[in-house]
Amino acid sequence: MVNIKNLVMAGLAALLLQGSIFAAAALAAEITVKVAEGVYSFRPGDGYISMFVVTSGGVVAIEPVHTSHAKGLLKAIRSVTQQPVRYLLHTHNHWDHSGGGQVFRDAGAKILAHKEAYDWMKANPHRDMALPDEGWNGKRKDITLGGTTIEMHYIGMSHGLGMTVFRVAQQKVIYIADVVTPDRVAFAMVPDFNIKEWVRALSEIEKMDFNKAIFSHSGNKAPFGSKADVIKNREFIQDLQGAIAAEFKKGTNFLKIPQVVKLPKYKKWAMYQEWLPMNVWRVMLDMYMGPFPWRPALAFEK
């Protein structure tokens, strides 16, 4: 029998550890980097990275995170352009990514999220989260502003609800939240991930046409990454599944597998020592119990 209390305590410890890491990182200076023509990353040192796109018709901001982060993001935009912010786009539903929207609503932006995320946000209000103005539906929606097209790709059941990847078509730059974190193992207990669908989503992202990628989190200090980071994250999950399957085949005691499994290929990745055993627990339970969370395919996914 799995000791749930120990798992919960380990998860809480991981969250506290993440908080201390982010608190230390918050002492760093805010960094705004031009990634491509009109495309910028914003990294204030709080553990989260946002993106904004400047066009002749206005600005599109992506991922407000929380009020303090959103204020910094708006300030960064103003340091680059005085064009009005037309849109604020959410990647998914989770509170730790979807706060701070009121900052952009007050600046005149229209807030969008996929309907699956919108419905969750409406049912689960948070003091720092502004309900989007619109929940868009389907697999794809494009915004064209000042001759620049931003594609919104709903990648389905993978992590959270309404998970959307954004691609700036002309510049071939993509923004990805949570499902890819370069040079870091999966987050703690891998919360709210359907492992099988996560791998499927990453395979679909790999097929998209892009040269540069901005990620909401990163295990390194690079201002942007590439498709190679997506591939490496998919391979990490599959290598983890393979290592667990090998222990199943050998008949290793279920409760000992999280301590037995090692992946030397990734030992230099951030949080390898701290989080790998929790990664093993989560993926192992998925392989043993069946995929979770799960829902039937939505009408437009069939």
C-alpha atoms as a PDB file:
ATOM      1  CA  MET A   1       0.000   0.000   0.000  1.00  0.00           C
ATOM      2  CA  VAL A   2       1.349   3.433  -0.968  1.00  0.00           C
ATOM      3  CA  ASN A   3       1.865   5.718   2.051  1.00  0.00           C
ATOM      4  CA  ILE A   4      -0.229   8.703   0.965  1.00  0.00           C
ATOM      5  CA  LYS A   5       0.801  10.770   3.979  1.00  0.00           C
ATOM      6  CA  ASN A   6       4.453  10.472   3.005  1.00  0.00           C
ATOM      7  CA  LEU A   7       3.644  11.434  -0.576  1.00  0.00           C
ATOM      8  CA  VAL A   8       1.706  14.499   0.567  1.00  0.00           C
ATOM      9  CA  MET A   9       4.477  15.559   2.945  1.00  0.00           C
ATOM     10  CA  ALA A  10       7.042  15.133   0.177  1.00  0.00           C
ATOM     11  CA  GLY A  11       4.883  17.242  -2.126  1.00  0.00           C
ATOM     12  CA  LEU A  12       4.554  19.989   0.459  1.00  0.00           C
ATOM     13  CA  ALA A  13       8.304  19.938   0.974  1.00  0.00           C
ATOM     14  CA  ALA A  14       8.785  20.306  -2.777  1.00  0.00           C
ATOM     15  CA  LEU A  15       6.471  23.303  -2.867  1.00  0.00           C
ATOM     16  CA  LEU A  16       8.315  24.914   0.025  1.00  0.00           C
ATOM     17  CA  LEU A  17      11.605  24.255  -1.744  1.00  0.00           C
ATOM     18  CA  GLN A  18      10.270  25.802  -4.929  1.00  0.00           C
ATOM     19  CA  GLY A  19       9.115  28.821  -2.929  1.00  0.00           C
ATOM     20  CA  SER A  20      12.580  29.325  -1.457  1.00  0.00           C
ATOM     21  CA  ILE A  21      14.155  28.981  -4.904  1.00  0.00           C
ATOM     22  CA  PHE A  22      11.748  31.518  -6.390  1.00  0.00           C
ATOM     23  CA  ALA A  23      12.252  33.878  -3.450  1.00  0.00           C
ATOM     24  CA  ALA A  24      16.005  33.783  -4.002  1.00  0.00           C
ATOM     25  CA  ALA A  25      15.562  34.220  -7.732  1.00  0.00           C
ATOM     26  CA  ALA A  26      13.304  37.219  -7.151  1.00  0.00           C
ATOM     27  CA  LEU A  27      16.370  39.135  -5.995  1.00  0.00           C
ATOM     28  CA  ALA A  28      17.625  39.021  -9.573  1.00  0.00           C
ATOM     29  CA  ALA A  29      17.042  41.920 -11.932  1.00  0.00           C
ATOM     30  CA  GLU A  30      14.130  41.832 -14.361  1.00  0.00           C
ATOM     31  CA  ILE A  31      15.318  40.801 -17.809  1.00  0.00           C
ATOM     32  CA  THR A  32      13.589  41.652 -21.081  1.00  0.00           C
ATOM     33  CA  VAL A  33      15.119  40.113 -24.198  1.00  0.00           C
ATOM     34  CA  LYS A  34      14.315  40.669 -27.859  1.00  0.00           C
ATOM     35  CA  VAL A  35      13.998  37.137 -29.223  1.00  0.00           C
ATOM     36  CA  ALA A  36      12.963  38.026 -32.769  1.00  0.00           C
ATOM     37  CA  GLU A  37      11.625  41.071 -34.585  1.00  0.00           C
ATOM     38  CA  GLY A  38       8.788  42.353 -32.375  1.00  0.00           C
ATOM     39  CA  VAL A  39       8.919  39.320 -30.037  1.00  0.00           C
ATOM     40  CA  TYR A  40      10.206  39.649 -26.465  1.00  0.00           C
ATOM     41  CA  SER A  41      10.628  37.449 -23.427  1.00  0.00           C
ATOM     42  CA  PHE A  42      10.142  38.838 -19.905  1.00  0.00           C
ATOM     43  CA  ARG A  43      11.893  37.088 -17.025  1.00  0.00           C
ATOM     44  CA  PRO A  44      11.567  38.934 -13.701  1.00  0.00           C
ATOM     45  CA  GLY A  45      13.285  36.314 -11.540  1.00  0.00           C
ATOM     46  CA  ASP A  46      10.140  34.921  -9.899  1.00  0.00           C
ATOM     47  CA  GLY A  47      10.402  31.526 -11.598  1.00  0.00           C
ATOM     48  CA  TYR A  48       8.051  32.450 -14.460  1.00  0.00           C
ATOM     49  CA  ILE A  49       8.713  33.774 -17.963  1.00  0.00           C
ATOM     50  CA  SER A  50       6.207  35.626 -20.157  1.00  0.00           C
ATOM     51  CA  MET A  51       6.197  36.755 -23.772  1.00  0.00           C
ATOM     52  CA  PHE A  52       4.898  39.818 -25.579  1.00  0.00           C
ATOM     53  CA  VAL A  53       4.589  40.666 -29.246  1.00  0.00           C
ATOM     54  CA  VAL A  54       4.799  44.248 -30.520  1.00  0.00           C
ATOM     55  CA  THR A  55       3.055  45.111 -33.789  1.00  0.00           C
ATOM     56  CA  SER A  56       2.085  48.307 -35.578  1.00  0.00           C
ATOM     57  CA  GLY A  57      -1.496  47.637 -34.462  1.00  0.00           C
ATOM     58  CA  GLY A  58      -0.774  47.101 -30.773  1.00  0.00           C
ATOM     59  CA  VAL A  59       0.709  44.596 -28.342  1.00  0.00           C
ATOM     60  CA  VAL A  60      -0.228  41.032 -27.419  1.00  0.00           C
ATOM     61  CA  ALA A  61       0.875  39.876 -23.956  1.00  0.00           C
ATOM     62  CA  ILE A  62       1.032  36.211 -22.950  1.00  0.00           C
ATOM     63  CA  GLU A  63       0.937  34.786 -19.413  1.00  0.00           C
ATOM     64  CA  PRO A  64       0.310  37.364 -16.637  1.00  0.00           C
ATOM     65  CA  VAL A  65       1.113  34.881 -13.785  1.00  0.00           C
ATOM     66  CA  HIS A  66       0.186  37.132 -10.826  1.00  0.00           C
ATOM     67  CA  THR A  67      -0.335  40.846 -10.172  1.00  0.00           C
ATOM     68  CA  SER A  68       3.269  41.685  -9.344  1.00  0.00           C
ATOM     69  CA  HIS A  69       4.533  39.790 -12.387  1.00  0.00           C
ATOM     70  CA  ALA A  70       1.859  41.372 -14.587  1.00  0.00           C
ATOM     71  CA  LYS A  71       2.825  44.885 -13.461  1.00  0.00           C
ATOM     72  CA  GLY A  72       6.440  44.123 -14.324  1.00  0.00           C
ATOM     73  CA  LEU A  73       5.379  42.733 -17.687  1.00  0.00           C
ATOM     74  CA  LEU A  74       3.380  45.869 -18.493  1.00  0.00           C
ATOM     75  CA  LYS A  75       6.332  48.016 -17.439  1.00  0.00           C
ATOM     76  CA  ALA A  76       8.606  45.980 -19.722  1.00  0.00           C
ATOM     77  CA  ILE A  77       6.186  46.488 -22.609  1.00  0.00           C
ATOM     78  CA  ARG A  78       6.159  50.242 -21.967  1.00  0.00           C
ATOM     79  CA  SER A  79       9.967  50.287 -22.050  1.00  0.00           C
ATOM     80  CA  VAL A  80       9.799  48.962 -25.616  1.00  0.00           C
ATOM     81  CA  THR A  81       6.714  50.643 -27.077  1.00  0.00           C
ATOM     82  CA  GLN A  82       3.832  52.972 -26.328  1.00  0.00           C
ATOM     83  CA  GLN A  83       1.507  50.937 -28.533  1.00  0.00           C
ATOM     84  CA  PRO A  84      -1.659  49.935 -26.648  1.00  0.00           C
ATOM     85  CA  VAL A  85      -1.925  46.396 -25.297  1.00  0.00           C
ATOM     86  CA  ARG A  86      -4.780  44.871 -27.303  1.00  0.00           C
ATOM     87  CA  TYR A  87      -4.822  41.307 -25.966  1.00  0.00           C
ATOM     88  CA  LEU A  88      -3.769  39.287 -22.946  1.00  0.00           C
ATOM     89  CA  LEU A  89      -3.627  35.543 -23.622  1.00  0.00           C
ATOM     90  CA  HIS A  90      -3.720  32.708 -21.065  1.00  0.00           C
ATOM     91  CA  THR A  91      -2.075  29.341 -21.685  1.00  0.00           C
ATOM     92  CA  HIS A  92      -4.258  27.353 -19.258  1.00  0.00           C
ATOM     93  CA  ASN A  93      -6.346  27.427 -16.115  1.00  0.00           C
ATOM     94  CA  HIS A  94      -3.979  27.026 -13.162  1.00  0.00           C
ATOM     95  CA  TRP A  95      -4.020  29.840 -10.615  1.00  0.00           C
ATOM     96  CA  ASP A  96      -0.229  30.146 -10.527  1.00  0.00           C
ATOM     97  CA  HIS A  97      -0.258  31.160 -14.212  1.00  0.00           C
ATOM     98  CA  SER A  98      -3.618  32.900 -14.600  1.00  0.00           C
ATOM     99  CA  GLY A  99      -3.420  35.652 -11.965  1.00  0.00           C
ATOM    100  CA  GLY A 100      -2.763  39.322 -12.634  1.00  0.00           C
ATOM    101  CA  GLY A 101      -5.201  39.758 -15.507  1.00  0.00           C
ATOM    102  CA  GLN A 102      -6.799  42.857 -14.024  1.00  0.00           C
ATOM    103  CA  VAL A 103      -3.549  44.761 -14.633  1.00  0.00           C
ATOM    104  CA  PHE A 104      -4.035  44.315 -18.362  1.00  0.00           C
ATOM    105  CA  ARG A 105      -7.791  44.784 -18.278  1.00  0.00           C
ATOM    106  CA  ASP A 106      -7.159  48.180 -16.674  1.00  0.00           C
ATOM    107  CA  ALA A 107      -4.702  48.903 -19.500  1.00  0.00           C
ATOM    108  CA  GLY A 108      -7.461  48.232 -22.051  1.00  0.00           C
ATOM    109  CA  ALA A 109      -6.578  44.687 -23.133  1.00  0.00           C
ATOM    110  CA  LYS A 110      -9.098  42.010 -24.054  1.00  0.00           C
ATOM    111  CA  ILE A 111      -8.400  38.801 -22.124  1.00  0.00           C
ATOM    112  CA  LEU A 112      -8.695  35.433 -23.876  1.00  0.00           C
ATOM    113  CA  ALA A 113      -8.407  31.813 -22.749  1.00  0.00           C
ATOM    114  CA  HIS A 114      -9.505  28.533 -24.252  1.00  0.00           C
ATOM    115  CA  LYS A 115     -13.092  27.753 -23.244  1.00  0.00           C
ATOM    116  CA  GLU A 116     -11.991  24.702 -21.272  1.00  0.00           C
ATOM    117  CA  ALA A 117      -9.795  26.951 -19.133  1.00  0.00           C
ATOM    118  CA  TYR A 118     -12.429  29.706 -19.049  1.00  0.00           C
ATOM    119  CA  ASP A 119     -15.089  27.359 -17.679  1.00  0.00           C
ATOM    120  CA  TRP A 120     -12.743  26.190 -14.916  1.00  0.00           C
ATOM    121  CA  MET A 121     -11.774  29.776 -14.057  1.00  0.00           C
ATOM    122  CA  LYS A 122     -15.428  30.749 -13.801  1.00  0.00           C
ATOM    123  CA  ALA A 123     -16.159  27.814 -11.483  1.00  0.00           C
ATOM    124  CA  ASN A 124     -13.003  28.337  -9.399  1.00  0.00           C
ATOM    125  CA  PRO A 125     -12.515  32.075  -8.764  1.00  0.00           C
ATOM    126  CA  HIS A 126      -9.345  33.391  -7.172  1.00  0.00           C
ATOM    127  CA  ARG A 127      -8.707  36.807  -5.659  1.00  0.00           C
ATOM    128  CA  ASP A 128      -5.843  37.480  -8.104  1.00  0.00           C
ATOM    129  CA  MET A 129      -7.506  36.053 -11.221  1.00  0.00           C
ATOM    130  CA  ALA A 130      -9.660  38.136 -13.561  1.00  0.00           C
ATOM    131  CA  LEU A 131     -12.169  36.068 -15.512  1.00  0.00           C
ATOM    132  CA  PRO A 132     -11.279  36.330 -19.227  1.00  0.00           C
ATOM    133  CA  ASP A 133     -13.537  38.326 -21.525  1.00  0.00           C
ATOM    134  CA  GLU A 134     -13.829  35.419 -23.919  1.00  0.00           C
ATOM    135  CA  GLY A 135     -13.430  31.658 -23.899  1.00  0.00           C
ATOM    136  CA  TRP A 136     -12.558  30.607 -27.428  1.00  0.00           C
ATOM    137  CA  ASN A 137     -13.428  27.108 -28.604  1.00  0.00           C
ATOM    138  CA  GLY A 138     -11.931  24.550 -30.945  1.00  0.00           C
ATOM    139  CA  LYS A 139      -8.392  23.475 -31.742  1.00  0.00           C
ATOM    140  CA  ARG A 140      -7.130  26.698 -33.287  1.00  0.00           C
ATOM    141  CA  LYS A 141      -7.768  30.429 -33.258  1.00  0.00           C
ATOM    142  CA  ASP A 142      -5.613  33.124 -34.877  1.00  0.00           C
ATOM    143  CA  ILE A 143      -5.179  36.776 -34.012  1.00  0.00           C
ATOM    144  CA  THR A 144      -3.790  39.109 -36.688  1.00  0.00           C
ATOM    145  CA  LEU A 145      -2.668  42.479 -35.446  1.00  0.00           C
ATOM    146  CA  GLY A 146      -0.660  44.992 -37.452  1.00  0.00           C
ATOM    147  CA  GLY A 147       0.191  42.353 -40.042  1.00  0.00           C
ATOM    148  CA  THR A 148       1.483  39.887 -37.409  1.00  0.00           C
ATOM    149  CA  THR A 149      -0.374  36.618 -36.898  1.00  0.00           C
ATOM    150  CA  ILE A 150      -0.371  34.823 -33.555  1.00  0.00           C
ATOM    151  CA  GLU A 151      -1.682  31.271 -33.735  1.00  0.00           C
ATOM    152  CA  MET A 152      -3.351  29.775 -30.677  1.00  0.00           C
ATOM    153  CA  HIS A 153      -3.018  25.974 -30.728  1.00  0.00           C
ATOM    154  CA  TYR A 154      -5.088  24.020 -28.196  1.00  0.00           C
ATOM    155  CA  ILE A 155      -3.067  20.872 -27.502  1.00  0.00           C
ATOM    156  CA  GLY A 156      -5.770  18.959 -25.638  1.00  0.00           C
ATOM    157  CA  MET A 157      -5.603  16.861 -22.519  1.00  0.00           C
ATOM    158  CA  SER A 158      -1.985  17.082 -21.362  1.00  0.00           C
ATOM    159  CA  HIS A 159      -1.603  19.424 -18.394  1.00  0.00           C
ATOM    160  CA  GLY A 160      -4.338  21.433 -16.747  1.00  0.00           C
ATOM    161  CA  LEU A 161      -7.311  22.554 -18.810  1.00  0.00           C
ATOM    162  CA  GLY A 162      -7.369  24.489 -22.052  1.00  0.00           C
ATOM    163  CA  MET A 163      -3.614  24.181 -22.553  1.00  0.00           C
ATOM    164  CA  THR A 164      -2.657  26.398 -25.459  1.00  0.00           C
ATOM    165  CA  VAL A 165       0.636  26.876 -27.296  1.00  0.00           C
ATOM    166  CA  PHE A 166       1.167  30.193 -29.085  1.00  0.00           C
ATOM    167  CA  ARG A 167       3.082  30.567 -32.337  1.00  0.00           C
ATOM    168  CA  VAL A 168       4.120  33.853 -33.919  1.00  0.00           C
ATOM    169  CA  ALA A 169       3.852  32.742 -37.507  1.00  0.00           C
ATOM    170  CA  GLN A 170       6.156  35.103 -39.409  1.00  0.00           C
ATOM    171  CA  GLN A 171       8.952  35.039 -36.848  1.00  0.00           C
ATOM    172  CA  LYS A 172       8.570  31.298 -36.151  1.00  0.00           C
ATOM    173  CA  VAL A 173       8.663  31.786 -32.389  1.00  0.00           C
ATOM    174  CA  ILE A 174       6.581  29.638 -30.047  1.00  0.00           C
ATOM    175  CA  TYR A 175       5.516  30.057 -26.401  1.00  0.00           C
ATOM    176  CA  ILE A 176       5.024  26.935 -24.273  1.00  0.00           C
ATOM    177  CA  ALA A 177       3.883  26.750 -20.651  1.00  0.00           C
ATOM    178  CA  ASP A 178       4.590  23.898 -18.211  1.00  0.00           C
ATOM    179  CA  VAL A 179       4.614  20.973 -20.640  1.00  0.00           C
ATOM    180  CA  VAL A 180       8.255  21.736 -21.504  1.00  0.00           C
ATOM    181  CA  THR A 181      10.862  22.998 -19.036  1.00  0.00           C
ATOM    182  CA  PRO A 182      14.379  22.947 -20.494  1.00  0.00           C
ATOM    183  CA  ASP A 183      17.135  21.274 -18.465  1.00  0.00           C
ATOM    184  CA  ARG A 184      14.925  20.379 -15.509  1.00  0.00           C
ATOM    185  CA  VAL A 185      13.154  17.185 -14.501  1.00  0.00           C
ATOM    186  CA  ALA A 186       9.358  17.260 -14.224  1.00  0.00           C
ATOM    187  CA  PHE A 187       7.908  19.423 -11.468  1.00  0.00           C
ATOM    188  CA  ALA A 188       7.721  17.682  -8.089  1.00  0.00           C
ATOM    189  CA  MET A 189       4.784  15.209  -8.050  1.00  0.00           C
ATOM    190  CA  VAL A 190       3.973  16.066 -11.693  1.00  0.00           C
ATOM    191  CA  PRO A 191       0.560  17.494 -10.731  1.00  0.00           C
ATOM    192  CA  ASP A 192      -2.381  17.538 -13.148  1.00  0.00           C
ATOM    193  CA  PHE A 193      -0.543  15.803 -15.999  1.00  0.00           C
ATOM    194  CA  ASN A 194      -1.959  12.959 -18.065  1.00  0.00           C
ATOM    195  CA  ILE A 195       1.344  11.280 -18.892  1.00  0.00           C
ATOM    196  CA  LYS A 196       0.232   9.511 -22.076  1.00  0.00           C
ATOM    197  CA  GLU A 197      -1.444  12.633 -23.459  1.00  0.00           C
ATOM    198  CA  TRP A 198       1.523  14.761 -22.397  1.00  0.00           C
ATOM    199  CA  VAL A 199       3.797  12.667 -24.624  1.00  0.00           C
ATOM    200  CA  ARG A 200       1.255  12.902 -27.446  1.00  0.00           C
ATOM    201  CA  ALA A 201       1.087  16.702 -27.074  1.00  0.00           C
ATOM    202  CA  LEU A 202       4.868  17.054 -27.157  1.00  0.00           C
ATOM    203  CA  SER A 203       5.011  14.961 -30.326  1.00  0.00           C
ATOM    204  CA  GLU A 204       2.477  17.316 -31.907  1.00  0.00           C
ATOM    205  CA  ILE A 205       4.451  20.395 -30.831  1.00  0.00           C
ATOM    206  CA  GLU A 206       7.564  18.898 -32.432  1.00  0.00           C
ATOM    207  CA  LYS A 207       5.746  18.954 -35.776  1.00  0.00           C
ATOM    208  CA  MET A 208       5.074  22.695 -35.580  1.00  0.00           C
ATOM    209  CA  ASP A 209       7.195  25.059 -37.650  1.00  0.00           C
ATOM    210  CA  PHE A 210       9.326  27.129 -35.255  1.00  0.00           C
ATOM    211  CA  ASN A 211      12.977  28.034 -34.730  1.00  0.00           C
ATOM    212  CA  LYS A 212      12.884  29.575 -31.264  1.00  0.00           C
ATOM    213  CA  ALA A 213      10.850  28.773 -28.161  1.00  0.00           C
ATOM    214  CA  ILE A 214      10.099  30.729 -24.998  1.00  0.00           C
ATOM    215  CA  PHE A 215       9.105  28.606 -22.010  1.00  0.00           C
ATOM    216  CA  SER A 216       7.165  29.639 -18.902  1.00  0.00           C
ATOM    217  CA  HIS A 217       9.845  27.939 -16.783  1.00  0.00           C
ATOM    218  CA  SER A 218      13.435  26.973 -17.490  1.00  0.00           C
ATOM    219  CA  GLY A 219      16.234  25.104 -15.796  1.00  0.00           C
ATOM    220  CA  ASN A 220      18.818  27.365 -17.448  1.00  0.00           C
ATOM    221  CA  LYS A 221      19.390  31.086 -17.939  1.00  0.00           C
ATOM    222  CA  ALA A 222      19.046  31.146 -21.737  1.00  0.00           C
ATOM    223  CA  PRO A 223      16.402  33.685 -22.869  1.00  0.00           C
ATOM    224  CA  PHE A 224      14.937  31.190 -25.325  1.00  0.00           C
ATOM    225  CA  GLY A 225      15.318  27.610 -26.500  1.00  0.00           C
ATOM    226  CA  SER A 226      14.478  25.495 -29.514  1.00  0.00           C
ATOM    227  CA  LYS A 227      12.683  22.392 -30.718  1.00  0.00           C
ATOM    228  CA  ALA A 228      15.524  20.345 -29.237  1.00  0.00           C
ATOM    229  CA  ASP A 229      14.213  21.219 -25.756  1.00  0.00           C
ATOM    230  CA  VAL A 230      10.791  19.810 -26.635  1.00  0.00           C
ATOM    231  CA  ILE A 231      12.372  16.610 -27.910  1.00  0.00           C
ATOM    232  CA  LYS A 232      14.561  16.219 -24.815  1.00  0.00           C
ATOM    233  CA  ASN A 233      11.585  16.655 -22.495  1.00  0.00           C
ATOM    234  CA  ARG A 234       9.623  13.992 -24.386  1.00  0.00           C
ATOM    235  CA  GLU A 235      12.609  11.649 -24.260  1.00  0.00           C
ATOM    236  CA  PHE A 236      12.936  12.221 -20.509  1.00  0.00           C
ATOM    237  CA  ILE A 237       9.352  11.074 -19.926  1.00  0.00           C
ATOM    238  CA  GLN A 238       9.783   8.049 -22.167  1.00  0.00           C
ATOM    239  CA  ASP A 239      13.129   7.135 -20.578  1.00  0.00           C
ATOM    240  CA  LEU A 240      11.471   7.373 -17.168  1.00  0.00           C
ATOM    241  CA  GLN A 241       8.640   5.104 -18.306  1.00  0.00           C
ATOM    242  CA  GLY A 242      11.168   2.652 -19.704  1.00  0.00           C
ATOM    243  CA  ALA A 243      13.186   2.557 -16.484  1.00  0.00           C
ATOM    244  CA  ILE A 244      10.048   1.952 -14.408  1.00  0.00           C
ATOM    245  CA  ALA A 245       8.841  -0.771 -16.788  1.00  0.00           C
ATOM    246  CA  ALA A 246      12.229  -2.477 -16.438  1.00  0.00           C
ATOM    247  CA  GLU A 247      11.818  -2.557 -12.633  1.00  0.00           C
ATOM    248  CA  PHE A 248       8.289  -3.945 -13.000  1.00  0.00           C
ATOM    249  CA  LYS A 249       9.693  -6.701 -15.210  1.00  0.00           C
ATOM    250  CA  LYS A 250      12.438  -7.523 -12.682  1.00  0.00           C
ATOM    251  CA  GLY A 251       9.873  -7.778  -9.912  1.00  0.00           C
ATOM    252  CA  THR A 252      11.357  -4.955  -7.841  1.00  0.00           C
ATOM    253  CA  ASN A 253       9.342  -4.134  -4.734  1.00  0.00           C
ATOM    254  CA  PHE A 254       6.832  -1.458  -5.753  1.00  0.00           C
ATOM    255  CA  LEU A 255       7.669   0.799  -2.816  1.00  0.00           C
ATOM    256  CA  LYS A 256      11.394   0.658  -3.571  1.00  0.00           C
ATOM    257  CA  ILE A 257      11.212   1.572  -7.258  1.00  0.00           C
ATOM    258  CA  PRO A 258      11.303   5.382  -6.683  1.00  0.00           C
ATOM    259  CA  GLN A 259      14.652   4.995  -4.901  1.00  0.00           C
ATOM    260  CA  VAL A 260      16.008   2.428  -7.358  1.00  0.00           C
ATOM    261  CA  VAL A 261      15.332   4.254 -10.626  1.00  0.00           C
ATOM    262  CA  LYS A 262      18.186   6.493 -11.759  1.00  0.00           C
ATOM    263  CA  LEU A 263      18.585   8.300 -15.058  1.00  0.00           C
ATOM    264  CA  PRO A 264      22.263   9.328 -15.308  1.00  0.00           C
ATOM    265  CA  LYS A 265      21.625  10.927 -18.706  1.00  0.00           C
ATOM    266  CA  TYR A 266      19.737  13.702 -16.890  1.00  0.00           C
ATOM    267  CA  LYS A 267      21.765  13.984 -13.674  1.00  0.00           C
ATOM    268  CA  LYS A 268      22.867  17.536 -14.519  1.00  0.00           C
ATOM    269  CA  TRP A 269      19.295  18.749 -14.960  1.00  0.00           C
ATOM    270  CA  ALA A 270      17.900  21.043 -12.294  1.00  0.00           C
ATOM    271  CA  MET A 271      16.155  19.326  -9.357  1.00  0.00           C
ATOM    272  CA  TYR A 272      17.338  15.871 -10.428  1.00  0.00           C
ATOM    273  CA  GLN A 273      18.168  14.754  -6.888  1.00  0.00           C
ATOM    274  CA  GLU A 274      15.196  16.431  -5.235  1.00  0.00           C
ATOM    275  CA  TRP A 275      12.369  15.647  -7.654  1.00  0.00           C
ATOM    276  CA  LEU A 276      13.302  12.520  -9.615  1.00  0.00           C
ATOM    277  CA  PRO A 277      11.919  10.126  -6.941  1.00  0.00           C
ATOM    278  CA  MET A 278       8.611  12.043  -6.958  1.00  0.00           C
ATOM    279  CA  ASN A 279       8.594  11.965 -10.763  1.00  0.00           C
ATOM    280  CA  VAL A 280       8.987   8.184 -10.520  1.00  0.00           C
ATOM    281  CA  TRP A 281       6.101   7.879  -8.047  1.00  0.00           C
ATOM    282  CA  ARG A 282       3.754   9.845 -10.284  1.00  0.00           C
ATOM    283  CA  VAL A 283       4.617   8.110 -13.550  1.00  0.00           C
ATOM    284  CA  MET A 284       4.704   4.711 -11.844  1.00  0.00           C
ATOM    285  CA  LEU A 285       1.212   5.211 -10.411  1.00  0.00           C
ATOM    286  CA  ASP A 286      -0.036   6.253 -13.845  1.00  0.00           C
ATOM    287  CA  MET A 287       1.439   3.086 -15.342  1.00  0.00           C
ATOM    288  CA  TYR A 288       0.020   0.932 -12.539  1.00  0.00           C
ATOM    289  CA  MET A 289      -3.449   2.470 -12.084  1.00  0.00           C
ATOM    290  CA  GLY A 290      -4.122   3.872 -15.531  1.00  0.00           C
ATOM    291  CA  PRO A 291      -4.017   7.419 -16.935  1.00  0.00           C
ATOM    292  CA  PHE A 292      -5.276  10.273 -14.747  1.00  0.00           C
ATOM    293  CA  PRO A 293      -6.686  12.868 -14.952  1.00  0.00           C
ATOM    294  CA  TRP A 294      -8.842  11.800 -17.900  1.00  0.00           C
ATOM    295  CA  ARG A 295     -11.990  12.909 -19.717  1.00  0.00           C
ATOM    296  CA  PRO A 296     -13.779  11.860 -22.924  1.00  0.00           C
ATOM    297  CA  ALA A 297     -12.697  13.623 -26.104  1.00  0.00           C
ATOM    298  CA  LEU A 298     -14.467  16.930 -26.699  1.00  0.00           C
ATOM    299  CA  ALA A 299     -16.700  17.219 -29.764  1.00  0.00           C
ATOM    300  CA  PHE A 300     -14.152  19.253 -31.775  1.00  0.00           C
ATOM    301  CA  GLU A 301     -11.364  16.786 -30.911  1.00  0.00           C
ATOM    302  CA  LYS A 302     -13.106  13.838 -32.589  1.00  0.00           C
END
